[in-house]
């Protein structure tokens, strides 16, 4: 039990004990002035009635405050939940948009990679053909030089044989 509740129960019990001990005095009639008129009534009972009335009024006020607080808390919780769902949806939307963007960029990069690979392979094939052609021309040129050299050597060899035979 909370300290405040315990303190309130002790005060109510003390008032109840005081009323029980002085019940005869509470019921003793007396003249009470209401400002414009005078009335014969037990003062203790009137004061006890006012105390109960004020306690009931206070209890109603506390219940009203507690109820309004609970209603406000529930409204805030619903609003917070709605905002949380809205934020989650926005985040999911952003993630979906980012995923789409990344997929598009990755596809574009893959396409560029394929295009550049094809261009490099085409260039390599061209360079290979050019190199083979150059090697073939060089080989043909060397063959021609070697054939020419052989012809010269044969002519010199024939000429030197003719000179020897003469």
C-alpha atoms as a PDB file:
ATOM      1  CA  UNK A   1       0.000   0.000   0.000  1.00  0.00           C
ATOM      2  CA  UNK A   2       1.284   3.444  -0.852  1.00  0.00           C
ATOM      3  CA  UNK A   3       2.126   5.896   1.923  1.00  0.00           C
ATOM      4  CA  UNK A   4      -0.578   8.350   0.864  1.00  0.00           C
ATOM      5  CA  UNK A   5      -3.265   5.658   0.853  1.00  0.00           C
ATOM      6  CA  UNK A   6      -2.154   4.387   4.243  1.00  0.00           C
ATOM      7  CA  UNK A   7      -2.204   7.940   5.633  1.00  0.00           C
ATOM      8  CA  UNK A   8      -5.736   8.500   4.244  1.00  0.00           C
ATOM      9  CA  UNK A   9      -7.022   5.238   5.773  1.00  0.00           C
ATOM     10  CA  UNK A  10      -5.536   6.177   9.180  1.00  0.00           C
ATOM     11  CA  UNK A  11      -7.265   9.596   9.072  1.00  0.00           C
ATOM     12  CA  UNK A  12     -10.639   8.044   8.110  1.00  0.00           C
ATOM     13  CA  UNK A  13     -10.277   5.481  10.912  1.00  0.00           C
ATOM     14  CA  UNK A  14      -9.419   8.237  13.425  1.00  0.00           C
ATOM     15  CA  UNK A  15     -12.503  10.236  12.373  1.00  0.00           C
ATOM     16  CA  UNK A  16     -14.677   7.099  12.662  1.00  0.00           C
ATOM     17  CA  UNK A  17     -13.305   6.373  16.158  1.00  0.00           C
ATOM     18  CA  UNK A  18     -13.866  10.027  17.194  1.00  0.00           C
ATOM     19  CA  UNK A  19     -17.485   9.912  15.917  1.00  0.00           C
ATOM     20  CA  UNK A  20     -18.148   6.592  17.674  1.00  0.00           C
ATOM     21  CA  UNK A  21     -16.757   7.873  20.978  1.00  0.00           C
ATOM     22  CA  UNK A  22     -18.762  11.110  20.811  1.00  0.00           C
ATOM     23  CA  UNK A  23     -21.958   9.872  19.147  1.00  0.00           C
ATOM     24  CA  UNK A  24     -24.222  11.254  21.891  1.00  0.00           C
ATOM     25  CA  UNK A  25     -22.649  14.704  21.551  1.00  0.00           C
ATOM     26  CA  UNK A  26     -23.046  14.523  17.786  1.00  0.00           C
ATOM     27  CA  UNK A  27     -26.792  13.893  18.191  1.00  0.00           C
ATOM     28  CA  UNK A  28     -27.364  16.690  20.756  1.00  0.00           C
ATOM     29  CA  UNK A  29     -29.666  19.314  19.185  1.00  0.00           C
ATOM     30  CA  UNK A  30     -28.527  22.893  19.090  1.00  0.00           C
ATOM     31  CA  UNK A  31     -29.644  26.129  17.459  1.00  0.00           C
ATOM     32  CA  UNK A  32     -27.870  26.679  14.144  1.00  0.00           C
ATOM     33  CA  UNK A  33     -27.967  30.028  12.346  1.00  0.00           C
ATOM     34  CA  UNK A  34     -28.237  29.902   8.551  1.00  0.00           C
ATOM     35  CA  UNK A  35     -27.900  33.674   8.159  1.00  0.00           C
ATOM     36  CA  UNK A  36     -31.590  34.519   7.512  1.00  0.00           C
ATOM     37  CA  UNK A  37     -33.127  31.967   9.811  1.00  0.00           C
ATOM     38  CA  UNK A  38     -32.255  29.738  12.748  1.00  0.00           C
ATOM     39  CA  UNK A  39     -32.749  25.967  12.805  1.00  0.00           C
ATOM     40  CA  UNK A  40     -32.726  23.347  15.606  1.00  0.00           C
ATOM     41  CA  UNK A  41     -30.407  20.461  14.479  1.00  0.00           C
ATOM     42  CA  UNK A  42     -27.553  18.348  15.829  1.00  0.00           C
ATOM     43  CA  UNK A  43     -24.343  20.281  15.033  1.00  0.00           C
ATOM     44  CA  UNK A  44     -22.129  17.184  15.070  1.00  0.00           C
ATOM     45  CA  UNK A  45     -24.358  15.357  12.575  1.00  0.00           C
ATOM     46  CA  UNK A  46     -24.417  18.397  10.264  1.00  0.00           C
ATOM     47  CA  UNK A  47     -20.619  18.686  10.416  1.00  0.00           C
ATOM     48  CA  UNK A  48     -20.251  14.929   9.840  1.00  0.00           C
ATOM     49  CA  UNK A  49     -22.580  15.221   6.828  1.00  0.00           C
ATOM     50  CA  UNK A  50     -20.488  18.098   5.443  1.00  0.00           C
ATOM     51  CA  UNK A  51     -17.327  16.023   5.950  1.00  0.00           C
ATOM     52  CA  UNK A  52     -18.838  13.052   4.093  1.00  0.00           C
ATOM     53  CA  UNK A  53     -20.110  15.375   1.325  1.00  0.00           C
ATOM     54  CA  UNK A  54     -16.672  16.967   0.879  1.00  0.00           C
ATOM     55  CA  UNK A  55     -14.992  13.535   0.937  1.00  0.00           C
ATOM     56  CA  UNK A  56     -17.432  12.280  -1.730  1.00  0.00           C
ATOM     57  CA  UNK A  57     -16.826  15.433  -3.805  1.00  0.00           C
ATOM     58  CA  UNK A  58     -13.083  14.932  -3.489  1.00  0.00           C
ATOM     59  CA  UNK A  59     -13.438  11.256  -4.507  1.00  0.00           C
ATOM     60  CA  UNK A  60     -15.491  12.224  -7.571  1.00  0.00           C
ATOM     61  CA  UNK A  61     -12.864  14.809  -8.502  1.00  0.00           C
ATOM     62  CA  UNK A  62     -10.063  12.236  -8.138  1.00  0.00           C
ATOM     63  CA  UNK A  63     -11.988   9.719 -10.268  1.00  0.00           C
ATOM     64  CA  UNK A  64     -12.595  12.444 -12.886  1.00  0.00           C
ATOM     65  CA  UNK A  65      -8.881  13.347 -12.981  1.00  0.00           C
ATOM     66  CA  UNK A  66      -7.835   9.703 -13.168  1.00  0.00           C
ATOM     67  CA  UNK A  67     -10.340   8.986 -15.948  1.00  0.00           C
ATOM     68  CA  UNK A  68      -9.292  12.022 -17.971  1.00  0.00           C
ATOM     69  CA  UNK A  69      -5.650  11.028 -17.517  1.00  0.00           C
ATOM     70  CA  UNK A  70      -6.367   7.479 -18.701  1.00  0.00           C
ATOM     71  CA  UNK A  71      -8.359   8.740 -21.696  1.00  0.00           C
ATOM     72  CA  UNK A  72      -5.560  11.136 -22.614  1.00  0.00           C
ATOM     73  CA  UNK A  73      -2.947   8.388 -22.183  1.00  0.00           C
ATOM     74  CA  UNK A  74      -4.973   6.033 -24.398  1.00  0.00           C
ATOM     75  CA  UNK A  75      -5.390   8.750 -27.051  1.00  0.00           C
ATOM     76  CA  UNK A  76      -1.647   9.467 -26.933  1.00  0.00           C
ATOM     77  CA  UNK A  77      -0.854   5.759 -27.201  1.00  0.00           C
ATOM     78  CA  UNK A  78      -3.107   5.394 -30.264  1.00  0.00           C
ATOM     79  CA  UNK A  79      -1.597   8.500 -31.838  1.00  0.00           C
ATOM     80  CA  UNK A  80       1.901   7.223 -31.098  1.00  0.00           C
ATOM     81  CA  UNK A  81       1.052   3.839 -32.602  1.00  0.00           C
ATOM     82  CA  UNK A  82      -0.335   5.545 -35.728  1.00  0.00           C
ATOM     83  CA  UNK A  83       2.812   7.676 -36.021  1.00  0.00           C
ATOM     84  CA  UNK A  84       4.996   4.591 -35.499  1.00  0.00           C
ATOM     85  CA  UNK A  85       3.136   2.722 -38.250  1.00  0.00           C
ATOM     86  CA  UNK A  86       3.437   5.730 -40.539  1.00  0.00           C
ATOM     87  CA  UNK A  87       7.185   5.924 -39.851  1.00  0.00           C
ATOM     88  CA  UNK A  88       7.568   2.168 -40.412  1.00  0.00           C
ATOM     89  CA  UNK A  89       5.693   2.414 -43.706  1.00  0.00           C
ATOM     90  CA  UNK A  90       7.794   5.378 -44.782  1.00  0.00           C
ATOM     91  CA  UNK A  91      10.963   3.501 -43.855  1.00  0.00           C
ATOM     92  CA  UNK A  92       9.802   0.418 -45.739  1.00  0.00           C
ATOM     93  CA  UNK A  93       8.982   2.611 -48.724  1.00  0.00           C
ATOM     94  CA  UNK A  94      12.425   4.197 -48.610  1.00  0.00           C
ATOM     95  CA  UNK A  95      14.069   0.787 -48.334  1.00  0.00           C
ATOM     96  CA  UNK A  96      12.052  -0.509 -51.296  1.00  0.00           C
ATOM     97  CA  UNK A  97      12.972   2.569 -53.303  1.00  0.00           C
ATOM     98  CA  UNK A  98      16.635   2.168 -52.359  1.00  0.00           C
ATOM     99  CA  UNK A  99      16.544  -1.519 -53.291  1.00  0.00           C
ATOM    100  CA  UNK A 100      15.058  -0.634 -56.691  1.00  0.00           C
ATOM    101  CA  UNK A 101      17.655   2.064 -57.234  1.00  0.00           C
ATOM    102  CA  UNK A 102      20.507  -0.270 -56.285  1.00  0.00           C
ATOM    103  CA  UNK A 103      19.180  -3.017 -58.546  1.00  0.00           C
ATOM    104  CA  UNK A 104      18.903  -0.567 -61.452  1.00  0.00           C
ATOM    105  CA  UNK A 105      22.435   0.729 -60.822  1.00  0.00           C
ATOM    106  CA  UNK A 106      23.844  -2.789 -60.532  1.00  0.00           C
ATOM    107  CA  UNK A 107      22.119  -3.756 -63.798  1.00  0.00           C
ATOM    108  CA  UNK A 108      23.491  -0.623 -65.477  1.00  0.00           C
ATOM    109  CA  UNK A 109      26.981  -1.450 -64.180  1.00  0.00           C
ATOM    110  CA  UNK A 110      26.626  -5.038 -65.398  1.00  0.00           C
ATOM    111  CA  UNK A 111      25.537  -3.785 -68.833  1.00  0.00           C
ATOM    112  CA  UNK A 112      28.494  -1.379 -68.939  1.00  0.00           C
ATOM    113  CA  UNK A 113      30.775  -4.242 -67.899  1.00  0.00           C
ATOM    114  CA  UNK A 114      29.425  -6.446 -70.705  1.00  0.00           C
ATOM    115  CA  UNK A 115      29.801  -3.617 -73.230  1.00  0.00           C
ATOM    116  CA  UNK A 116      33.344  -2.777 -72.119  1.00  0.00           C
ATOM    117  CA  UNK A 117      34.280  -6.465 -72.052  1.00  0.00           C
ATOM    118  CA  UNK A 118      32.940  -6.877 -75.588  1.00  0.00           C
ATOM    119  CA  UNK A 119      34.853  -3.765 -76.703  1.00  0.00           C
ATOM    120  CA  UNK A 120      38.062  -5.044 -75.084  1.00  0.00           C
ATOM    121  CA  UNK A 121      37.639  -8.481 -76.666  1.00  0.00           C
ATOM    122  CA  UNK A 122      36.975  -6.894 -80.060  1.00  0.00           C
ATOM    123  CA  UNK A 123      40.059  -4.727 -79.661  1.00  0.00           C
ATOM    124  CA  UNK A 124      42.122  -7.755 -78.566  1.00  0.00           C
ATOM    125  CA  UNK A 125      40.911  -9.728 -81.610  1.00  0.00           C
ATOM    126  CA  UNK A 126      41.854  -6.787 -83.854  1.00  0.00           C
ATOM    127  CA  UNK A 127      45.274  -6.504 -82.208  1.00  0.00           C
ATOM    128  CA  UNK A 128      45.735 -10.278 -82.545  1.00  0.00           C
ATOM    129  CA  UNK A 129      44.907 -10.110 -86.275  1.00  0.00           C
ATOM    130  CA  UNK A 130      47.205  -7.121 -86.727  1.00  0.00           C
ATOM    131  CA  UNK A 131      49.994  -8.915 -84.848  1.00  0.00           C
ATOM    132  CA  UNK A 132      49.547 -12.093 -86.900  1.00  0.00           C
ATOM    133  CA  UNK A 133      49.506 -10.038 -90.085  1.00  0.00           C
ATOM    134  CA  UNK A 134      52.644  -8.194 -89.011  1.00  0.00           C
ATOM    135  CA  UNK A 135      54.328 -11.490 -88.075  1.00  0.00           C
ATOM    136  CA  UNK A 136      53.302 -13.005 -91.386  1.00  0.00           C
ATOM    137  CA  UNK A 137      54.627  -9.981 -93.276  1.00  0.00           C
ATOM    138  CA  UNK A 138      57.834 -10.108 -91.271  1.00  0.00           C
ATOM    139  CA  UNK A 139      58.093 -13.844 -91.935  1.00  0.00           C
ATOM    140  CA  UNK A 140      57.435 -13.304 -95.630  1.00  0.00           C
ATOM    141  CA  UNK A 141      59.992 -10.484 -95.720  1.00  0.00           C
ATOM    142  CA  UNK A 142      62.582 -12.672 -93.949  1.00  0.00           C
ATOM    143  CA  UNK A 143      61.817 -15.551 -96.331  1.00  0.00           C
ATOM    144  CA  UNK A 144      62.247 -13.225 -99.270  1.00  0.00           C
ATOM    145  CA  UNK A 145      65.559 -11.938 -97.862  1.00  0.00           C
ATOM    146  CA  UNK A 146      66.730 -15.496 -97.182  1.00  0.00           C
ATOM    147  CA  UNK A 147      65.722 -16.628-100.681  1.00  0.00           C
ATOM    148  CA  UNK A 148      67.532 -13.644-102.155  1.00  0.00           C
ATOM    149  CA  UNK A 149      70.556 -14.408-100.011  1.00  0.00           C
ATOM    150  CA  UNK A 150      70.492 -18.051-101.100  1.00  0.00           C
ATOM    151  CA  UNK A 151      70.217 -16.963-104.719  1.00  0.00           C
ATOM    152  CA  UNK A 152      73.242 -14.664-104.287  1.00  0.00           C
ATOM    153  CA  UNK A 153      75.175 -17.385-102.545  1.00  0.00           C
ATOM    154  CA  UNK A 154      74.288 -19.835-105.289  1.00  0.00           C
ATOM    155  CA  UNK A 155      75.304 -17.320-107.946  1.00  0.00           C
ATOM    156  CA  UNK A 156      78.552 -16.615-106.175  1.00  0.00           C
ATOM    157  CA  UNK A 157      79.065 -20.337-105.712  1.00  0.00           C
ATOM    158  CA  UNK A 158      78.330 -20.947-109.436  1.00  0.00           C
ATOM    159  CA  UNK A 159      80.561 -18.068-110.441  1.00  0.00           C
ATOM    160  CA  UNK A 160      83.399 -19.274-108.276  1.00  0.00           C
ATOM    161  CA  UNK A 161      83.014 -22.802-109.720  1.00  0.00           C
ATOM    162  CA  UNK A 162      83.058 -21.389-113.185  1.00  0.00           C
ATOM    163  CA  UNK A 163      86.171 -19.414-112.345  1.00  0.00           C
ATOM    164  CA  UNK A 164      87.841 -22.468-111.008  1.00  0.00           C
ATOM    165  CA  UNK A 165      86.885 -24.527-113.934  1.00  0.00           C
ATOM    166  CA  UNK A 166      88.175 -22.000-116.346  1.00  0.00           C
END
